[in-house]
N, C-alpha and C. Protein backbone atom coordinates (compact mmCIF):
# COMPACT_ATOMS: atom_id res chain seq x y z
N MET A 1 -71.36 -16.76 115.12
CA MET A 1 -69.99 -16.64 114.70
C MET A 1 -69.09 -16.72 115.93
N TRP A 2 -68.21 -17.66 115.94
CA TRP A 2 -67.28 -17.81 117.06
C TRP A 2 -65.88 -17.46 116.58
N SER A 3 -65.36 -16.40 117.10
CA SER A 3 -63.99 -16.03 116.80
C SER A 3 -63.40 -15.38 118.03
N SER A 4 -62.12 -15.17 118.01
CA SER A 4 -61.48 -14.56 119.17
C SER A 4 -61.87 -13.09 119.30
N GLU A 5 -62.48 -12.52 118.27
CA GLU A 5 -62.87 -11.11 118.32
C GLU A 5 -64.25 -10.91 118.94
N VAL A 6 -65.04 -11.96 119.07
CA VAL A 6 -66.38 -11.83 119.61
C VAL A 6 -66.28 -11.53 121.12
N GLN A 7 -66.81 -10.39 121.55
CA GLN A 7 -66.74 -9.98 122.95
C GLN A 7 -68.02 -10.30 123.71
N ASN A 8 -69.15 -10.38 122.99
CA ASN A 8 -70.43 -10.63 123.63
C ASN A 8 -71.12 -11.83 123.01
N LEU A 9 -71.91 -12.49 123.81
CA LEU A 9 -72.74 -13.59 123.35
C LEU A 9 -74.17 -13.08 123.33
N GLU A 10 -74.85 -13.25 122.21
CA GLU A 10 -76.22 -12.80 122.08
C GLU A 10 -77.15 -14.00 121.99
N VAL A 11 -78.30 -13.89 122.63
CA VAL A 11 -79.33 -14.93 122.60
C VAL A 11 -80.51 -14.37 121.81
N TRP A 12 -80.87 -15.07 120.75
CA TRP A 12 -81.95 -14.63 119.89
C TRP A 12 -83.09 -15.64 119.92
N TYR A 13 -84.31 -15.17 119.90
CA TYR A 13 -85.50 -16.01 119.76
C TYR A 13 -86.24 -15.49 118.53
N GLY A 14 -86.14 -16.22 117.45
CA GLY A 14 -86.69 -15.74 116.19
C GLY A 14 -85.90 -14.52 115.75
N ALA A 15 -86.58 -13.43 115.51
CA ALA A 15 -85.93 -12.21 115.05
C ALA A 15 -85.68 -11.23 116.20
N HIS A 16 -85.88 -11.67 117.44
CA HIS A 16 -85.75 -10.78 118.59
C HIS A 16 -84.57 -11.18 119.47
N LYS A 17 -83.72 -10.21 119.74
CA LYS A 17 -82.62 -10.46 120.68
C LYS A 17 -83.20 -10.40 122.09
N VAL A 18 -83.06 -11.49 122.87
CA VAL A 18 -83.66 -11.54 124.19
C VAL A 18 -82.64 -11.34 125.31
N ASP A 19 -81.36 -11.52 125.01
CA ASP A 19 -80.35 -11.32 126.05
C ASP A 19 -78.99 -11.14 125.40
N GLN A 20 -78.11 -10.53 126.15
CA GLN A 20 -76.73 -10.34 125.71
C GLN A 20 -75.85 -10.41 126.95
N MET A 21 -74.75 -11.09 126.84
CA MET A 21 -73.84 -11.21 127.97
C MET A 21 -72.40 -11.22 127.48
N GLU A 22 -71.50 -10.89 128.37
CA GLU A 22 -70.09 -10.89 128.02
C GLU A 22 -69.61 -12.32 127.82
N ARG A 23 -68.82 -12.52 126.80
CA ARG A 23 -68.25 -13.84 126.56
C ARG A 23 -67.08 -14.04 127.50
N LEU A 24 -67.08 -15.14 128.24
CA LEU A 24 -66.01 -15.45 129.18
C LEU A 24 -65.08 -16.47 128.54
N ARG A 25 -63.81 -16.21 128.59
CA ARG A 25 -62.83 -17.11 128.00
C ARG A 25 -62.09 -17.86 129.10
N GLY A 26 -61.68 -19.07 128.79
CA GLY A 26 -60.90 -19.86 129.73
C GLY A 26 -61.77 -20.84 130.50
N GLN A 27 -61.11 -21.67 131.26
CA GLN A 27 -61.81 -22.67 132.05
C GLN A 27 -62.19 -22.09 133.41
N GLN A 28 -63.19 -22.69 134.03
CA GLN A 28 -63.66 -22.31 135.36
C GLN A 28 -64.20 -20.88 135.40
N LYS A 29 -64.70 -20.38 134.27
CA LYS A 29 -65.32 -19.06 134.22
C LYS A 29 -66.83 -19.23 134.23
N SER A 30 -67.51 -18.37 134.95
CA SER A 30 -68.96 -18.45 134.99
C SER A 30 -69.55 -17.07 135.21
N SER A 31 -70.77 -16.93 134.77
CA SER A 31 -71.51 -15.70 134.98
C SER A 31 -72.96 -16.10 135.21
N VAL A 32 -73.49 -15.74 136.37
CA VAL A 32 -74.85 -16.11 136.73
C VAL A 32 -75.65 -14.83 136.94
N ASN A 33 -76.75 -14.72 136.25
CA ASN A 33 -77.66 -13.60 136.45
C ASN A 33 -78.73 -14.07 137.42
N TYR A 34 -78.82 -13.41 138.57
CA TYR A 34 -79.74 -13.86 139.61
C TYR A 34 -81.18 -13.88 139.11
N ARG A 35 -81.52 -13.03 138.16
CA ARG A 35 -82.90 -12.99 137.65
C ARG A 35 -83.31 -14.32 136.99
N HIS A 36 -82.33 -15.04 136.47
CA HIS A 36 -82.63 -16.29 135.78
C HIS A 36 -82.94 -17.43 136.74
N ILE A 37 -82.48 -17.35 137.98
CA ILE A 37 -82.66 -18.49 138.89
C ILE A 37 -83.34 -18.14 140.19
N VAL A 38 -83.66 -16.87 140.43
CA VAL A 38 -84.20 -16.49 141.74
C VAL A 38 -85.56 -17.13 142.01
N ASP A 39 -86.40 -17.32 141.00
CA ASP A 39 -87.69 -17.98 141.22
C ASP A 39 -87.48 -19.40 141.73
N TRP A 40 -86.55 -20.10 141.15
CA TRP A 40 -86.24 -21.47 141.58
C TRP A 40 -85.70 -21.48 143.01
N LEU A 41 -84.80 -20.55 143.32
CA LEU A 41 -84.21 -20.51 144.66
C LEU A 41 -85.23 -20.14 145.73
N VAL A 42 -86.20 -19.30 145.41
CA VAL A 42 -87.24 -18.95 146.38
C VAL A 42 -88.05 -20.19 146.73
N ARG A 43 -88.29 -21.05 145.75
CA ARG A 43 -89.03 -22.30 146.02
C ARG A 43 -88.17 -23.32 146.77
N LYS A 44 -86.85 -23.25 146.62
CA LYS A 44 -85.93 -24.18 147.27
C LYS A 44 -84.84 -23.39 148.01
N PRO A 45 -85.20 -22.64 149.05
CA PRO A 45 -84.23 -21.76 149.70
C PRO A 45 -83.05 -22.49 150.33
N GLY A 46 -83.21 -23.75 150.67
CA GLY A 46 -82.10 -24.51 151.25
C GLY A 46 -80.95 -24.68 150.27
N ALA A 47 -81.23 -24.59 149.00
CA ALA A 47 -80.18 -24.74 147.99
C ALA A 47 -79.26 -23.53 147.94
N PHE A 48 -79.69 -22.39 148.45
CA PHE A 48 -78.89 -21.18 148.37
C PHE A 48 -77.62 -21.27 149.22
N ALA A 49 -77.71 -21.86 150.39
CA ALA A 49 -76.57 -21.92 151.32
C ALA A 49 -75.35 -22.57 150.70
N ASN A 50 -75.54 -23.62 149.93
CA ASN A 50 -74.41 -24.35 149.35
C ASN A 50 -74.30 -24.17 147.84
N TYR A 51 -74.98 -23.17 147.31
CA TYR A 51 -74.96 -22.95 145.87
C TYR A 51 -73.56 -22.56 145.43
N ARG A 52 -73.07 -23.24 144.43
CA ARG A 52 -71.69 -23.05 143.96
C ARG A 52 -71.39 -21.61 143.55
N TYR A 53 -72.35 -20.96 142.95
CA TYR A 53 -72.15 -19.59 142.45
C TYR A 53 -72.87 -18.56 143.32
N ARG A 54 -73.02 -18.84 144.59
CA ARG A 54 -73.78 -17.98 145.49
C ARG A 54 -73.26 -16.54 145.49
N ASP A 55 -71.96 -16.35 145.46
CA ASP A 55 -71.41 -15.00 145.50
C ASP A 55 -71.84 -14.15 144.31
N GLN A 56 -72.23 -14.78 143.23
CA GLN A 56 -72.69 -14.03 142.06
C GLN A 56 -74.16 -13.61 142.18
N LEU A 57 -74.81 -14.02 143.27
CA LEU A 57 -76.22 -13.68 143.47
C LEU A 57 -76.40 -12.44 144.35
N PHE A 58 -75.33 -11.69 144.51
CA PHE A 58 -75.39 -10.42 145.22
C PHE A 58 -75.11 -9.34 144.17
N PRO A 59 -76.14 -8.75 143.57
CA PRO A 59 -75.93 -7.82 142.47
C PRO A 59 -75.14 -6.57 142.85
N THR A 60 -75.26 -6.13 144.10
CA THR A 60 -74.50 -4.96 144.55
C THR A 60 -73.98 -5.24 145.96
N VAL A 61 -73.13 -4.38 146.44
CA VAL A 61 -72.57 -4.53 147.78
C VAL A 61 -73.67 -4.42 148.84
N ASN A 62 -74.71 -3.63 148.59
CA ASN A 62 -75.79 -3.52 149.57
C ASN A 62 -76.54 -4.83 149.75
N PHE A 63 -76.72 -5.58 148.68
CA PHE A 63 -77.36 -6.89 148.79
C PHE A 63 -76.50 -7.80 149.68
N ARG A 64 -75.19 -7.76 149.47
CA ARG A 64 -74.30 -8.59 150.28
C ARG A 64 -74.31 -8.16 151.75
N ARG A 65 -74.32 -6.85 151.99
CA ARG A 65 -74.35 -6.35 153.36
C ARG A 65 -75.64 -6.76 154.06
N VAL A 66 -76.75 -6.74 153.35
CA VAL A 66 -78.03 -7.16 153.94
C VAL A 66 -77.98 -8.65 154.27
N TYR A 67 -77.42 -9.45 153.37
CA TYR A 67 -77.32 -10.89 153.65
C TYR A 67 -76.48 -11.13 154.90
N ASP A 68 -75.35 -10.45 155.02
CA ASP A 68 -74.51 -10.61 156.21
C ASP A 68 -75.25 -10.18 157.47
N PHE A 69 -76.00 -9.09 157.39
CA PHE A 69 -76.79 -8.63 158.53
C PHE A 69 -77.83 -9.67 158.91
N LEU A 70 -78.53 -10.21 157.93
CA LEU A 70 -79.55 -11.22 158.21
C LEU A 70 -78.95 -12.49 158.81
N ARG A 71 -77.75 -12.86 158.38
CA ARG A 71 -77.08 -14.02 158.98
C ARG A 71 -76.81 -13.80 160.45
N GLU A 72 -76.53 -12.56 160.84
CA GLU A 72 -76.28 -12.25 162.25
C GLU A 72 -77.56 -12.30 163.08
N VAL A 73 -78.64 -11.71 162.56
CA VAL A 73 -79.86 -11.56 163.38
C VAL A 73 -80.82 -12.74 163.27
N MET A 74 -80.78 -13.48 162.19
CA MET A 74 -81.68 -14.63 162.04
C MET A 74 -80.99 -15.74 161.25
N PRO A 75 -80.00 -16.39 161.86
CA PRO A 75 -79.20 -17.36 161.10
C PRO A 75 -80.00 -18.51 160.50
N ARG A 76 -81.08 -18.93 161.13
CA ARG A 76 -81.83 -20.07 160.61
C ARG A 76 -82.74 -19.70 159.44
N ARG A 77 -83.14 -18.43 159.34
CA ARG A 77 -84.06 -18.01 158.29
C ARG A 77 -83.43 -17.02 157.31
N CYS A 78 -82.14 -16.77 157.42
CA CYS A 78 -81.52 -15.72 156.61
C CYS A 78 -81.59 -15.99 155.12
N ASP A 79 -81.41 -17.24 154.69
CA ASP A 79 -81.45 -17.54 153.26
C ASP A 79 -82.84 -17.27 152.68
N LEU A 80 -83.86 -17.76 153.37
CA LEU A 80 -85.23 -17.54 152.93
C LEU A 80 -85.55 -16.05 152.89
N ARG A 81 -85.18 -15.35 153.93
CA ARG A 81 -85.46 -13.91 154.00
C ARG A 81 -84.67 -13.13 152.94
N TYR A 82 -83.41 -13.49 152.74
CA TYR A 82 -82.60 -12.79 151.74
C TYR A 82 -83.16 -12.99 150.33
N LEU A 83 -83.55 -14.22 150.00
CA LEU A 83 -84.01 -14.51 148.65
C LEU A 83 -85.26 -13.73 148.27
N GLU A 84 -86.03 -13.30 149.26
CA GLU A 84 -87.19 -12.46 148.97
C GLU A 84 -86.75 -11.11 148.39
N ILE A 85 -85.55 -10.66 148.76
CA ILE A 85 -85.08 -9.35 148.33
C ILE A 85 -84.66 -9.36 146.85
N PRO A 86 -83.79 -10.27 146.39
CA PRO A 86 -83.51 -10.28 144.94
C PRO A 86 -84.73 -10.68 144.11
N HIS A 87 -85.63 -11.45 144.71
CA HIS A 87 -86.87 -11.80 144.01
C HIS A 87 -87.69 -10.53 143.76
N LEU A 88 -87.78 -9.68 144.77
CA LEU A 88 -88.47 -8.40 144.62
C LEU A 88 -87.73 -7.51 143.61
N ALA A 89 -86.41 -7.51 143.67
CA ALA A 89 -85.62 -6.70 142.73
C ALA A 89 -85.83 -7.15 141.28
N ALA A 90 -85.95 -8.46 141.07
CA ALA A 90 -86.16 -8.97 139.72
C ALA A 90 -87.55 -8.59 139.20
N LYS A 91 -88.54 -8.53 140.10
CA LYS A 91 -89.90 -8.18 139.69
C LYS A 91 -90.10 -6.68 139.58
N GLU A 92 -89.50 -5.92 140.47
CA GLU A 92 -89.72 -4.47 140.53
C GLU A 92 -88.63 -3.73 139.76
N ASN A 93 -87.55 -3.39 140.47
CA ASN A 93 -86.49 -2.58 139.89
C ASN A 93 -85.27 -2.73 140.79
N GLU A 94 -84.19 -3.27 140.25
CA GLU A 94 -82.99 -3.54 141.05
C GLU A 94 -82.42 -2.26 141.67
N ALA A 95 -82.37 -1.20 140.91
CA ALA A 95 -81.81 0.05 141.43
C ALA A 95 -82.64 0.60 142.57
N LEU A 96 -83.95 0.49 142.46
CA LEU A 96 -84.84 0.95 143.52
C LEU A 96 -84.65 0.13 144.79
N VAL A 97 -84.58 -1.18 144.65
CA VAL A 97 -84.37 -2.05 145.81
C VAL A 97 -83.00 -1.80 146.42
N ASP A 98 -81.98 -1.61 145.59
CA ASP A 98 -80.64 -1.32 146.09
C ASP A 98 -80.63 -0.02 146.90
N ASP A 99 -81.31 0.99 146.40
CA ASP A 99 -81.41 2.26 147.10
C ASP A 99 -82.14 2.08 148.44
N ALA A 100 -83.22 1.31 148.43
CA ALA A 100 -83.95 1.04 149.68
C ALA A 100 -83.07 0.30 150.68
N LEU A 101 -82.30 -0.67 150.21
CA LEU A 101 -81.40 -1.41 151.10
C LEU A 101 -80.35 -0.49 151.70
N ARG A 102 -79.81 0.41 150.88
CA ARG A 102 -78.82 1.36 151.38
C ARG A 102 -79.40 2.21 152.50
N LEU A 103 -80.62 2.70 152.31
CA LEU A 103 -81.27 3.51 153.33
C LEU A 103 -81.59 2.70 154.59
N LEU A 104 -82.05 1.48 154.40
CA LEU A 104 -82.40 0.64 155.55
C LEU A 104 -81.17 0.25 156.37
N LEU A 105 -80.06 0.00 155.70
CA LEU A 105 -78.84 -0.36 156.43
C LEU A 105 -78.27 0.82 157.22
N ALA A 106 -78.63 2.02 156.83
CA ALA A 106 -78.08 3.21 157.47
C ALA A 106 -78.73 3.54 158.82
N THR A 107 -79.89 2.93 159.12
CA THR A 107 -80.59 3.27 160.36
C THR A 107 -80.95 2.02 161.15
N ASN A 108 -81.12 2.19 162.45
CA ASN A 108 -81.55 1.08 163.29
C ASN A 108 -83.00 0.69 162.99
N ILE A 109 -83.83 1.67 162.70
CA ILE A 109 -85.22 1.37 162.34
C ILE A 109 -85.25 0.57 161.05
N GLY A 110 -84.40 0.94 160.10
CA GLY A 110 -84.32 0.21 158.85
C GLY A 110 -83.87 -1.22 159.06
N ARG A 111 -82.94 -1.43 159.95
CA ARG A 111 -82.47 -2.80 160.23
C ARG A 111 -83.59 -3.64 160.83
N LYS A 112 -84.45 -3.01 161.63
CA LYS A 112 -85.61 -3.73 162.19
C LYS A 112 -86.56 -4.10 161.05
N THR A 113 -86.73 -3.20 160.10
CA THR A 113 -87.61 -3.45 158.96
C THR A 113 -87.13 -4.65 158.15
N LEU A 114 -85.82 -4.82 158.03
CA LEU A 114 -85.29 -5.94 157.25
C LEU A 114 -85.68 -7.29 157.86
N ARG A 115 -85.96 -7.32 159.14
CA ARG A 115 -86.34 -8.58 159.79
C ARG A 115 -87.78 -8.97 159.46
N GLU A 116 -88.58 -8.04 158.98
CA GLU A 116 -90.00 -8.28 158.74
C GLU A 116 -90.31 -8.19 157.25
N LYS A 117 -90.95 -9.22 156.72
CA LYS A 117 -91.17 -9.31 155.28
C LYS A 117 -92.03 -8.17 154.74
N GLN A 118 -93.22 -8.02 155.20
CA GLN A 118 -94.15 -7.06 154.61
C GLN A 118 -93.68 -5.62 154.69
N PRO A 119 -93.17 -5.16 155.84
CA PRO A 119 -92.74 -3.76 155.87
C PRO A 119 -91.64 -3.44 154.85
N PHE A 120 -90.74 -4.38 154.57
CA PHE A 120 -89.70 -4.12 153.57
C PHE A 120 -90.30 -3.91 152.19
N GLU A 121 -91.22 -4.79 151.80
CA GLU A 121 -91.86 -4.65 150.50
C GLU A 121 -92.64 -3.35 150.42
N ASP A 122 -93.31 -2.99 151.51
CA ASP A 122 -94.04 -1.72 151.54
C ASP A 122 -93.08 -0.54 151.42
N PHE A 123 -91.95 -0.64 152.08
CA PHE A 123 -90.95 0.44 152.02
C PHE A 123 -90.48 0.64 150.59
N VAL A 124 -90.20 -0.44 149.89
CA VAL A 124 -89.73 -0.36 148.51
C VAL A 124 -90.82 0.23 147.63
N ARG A 125 -92.05 -0.20 147.83
CA ARG A 125 -93.15 0.34 147.00
C ARG A 125 -93.39 1.82 147.29
N ARG A 126 -93.26 2.25 148.54
CA ARG A 126 -93.39 3.67 148.86
C ARG A 126 -92.27 4.46 148.20
N ARG A 127 -91.05 3.92 148.18
CA ARG A 127 -89.93 4.59 147.50
C ARG A 127 -90.23 4.72 146.02
N LYS A 128 -90.86 3.70 145.46
CA LYS A 128 -91.18 3.73 144.03
C LYS A 128 -92.16 4.86 143.73
N LEU A 129 -93.12 5.08 144.63
CA LEU A 129 -94.11 6.13 144.41
C LEU A 129 -93.49 7.53 144.59
N THR A 130 -92.60 7.67 145.56
CA THR A 130 -92.02 8.99 145.81
C THR A 130 -90.81 9.27 144.93
N CYS A 131 -90.21 8.24 144.39
CA CYS A 131 -89.01 8.40 143.57
C CYS A 131 -89.12 7.48 142.37
N PRO A 132 -89.94 7.83 141.37
CA PRO A 132 -90.20 6.91 140.26
C PRO A 132 -89.00 6.56 139.42
N THR A 133 -87.98 7.40 139.43
CA THR A 133 -86.76 7.05 138.70
C THR A 133 -85.66 6.84 139.71
N SER A 134 -84.66 6.13 139.31
CA SER A 134 -83.56 5.81 140.21
C SER A 134 -82.57 6.98 140.24
N THR A 135 -82.97 8.07 140.89
CA THR A 135 -82.12 9.25 140.94
C THR A 135 -81.46 9.42 142.29
N GLY A 136 -81.67 8.45 143.17
CA GLY A 136 -81.06 8.52 144.48
C GLY A 136 -81.78 9.46 145.43
N CYS A 137 -83.06 9.74 145.16
CA CYS A 137 -83.80 10.65 146.03
C CYS A 137 -84.20 9.98 147.33
């Protein structure tokens, strides 16, 4: 049903609602969910730099701050390194990854961890074990 009163767009597969998003009105409006395209971008990281909707691929301010930090410390590999983070968030838990990024940005040791792939993933998994819910612990 399309009317001016419809506020959300629902996607159904058979009898199951699989997604819901806000309906955007007007021209030049877009909404990109990073979870829908992050697998593709990880395989083609060069596409991220010039992606038209790149700013919509930072789910929180901490994701954006990490990307800016990575651009400073490793400009040639920052896109590839950054894309591993939303990819992990899509597979694990966005709130948990956001909390880990907040903690890592707050310390120099954490900033060093962001430069290395495996320690970051380990850090997030350790946070998951010690803080199973996103309570900010």
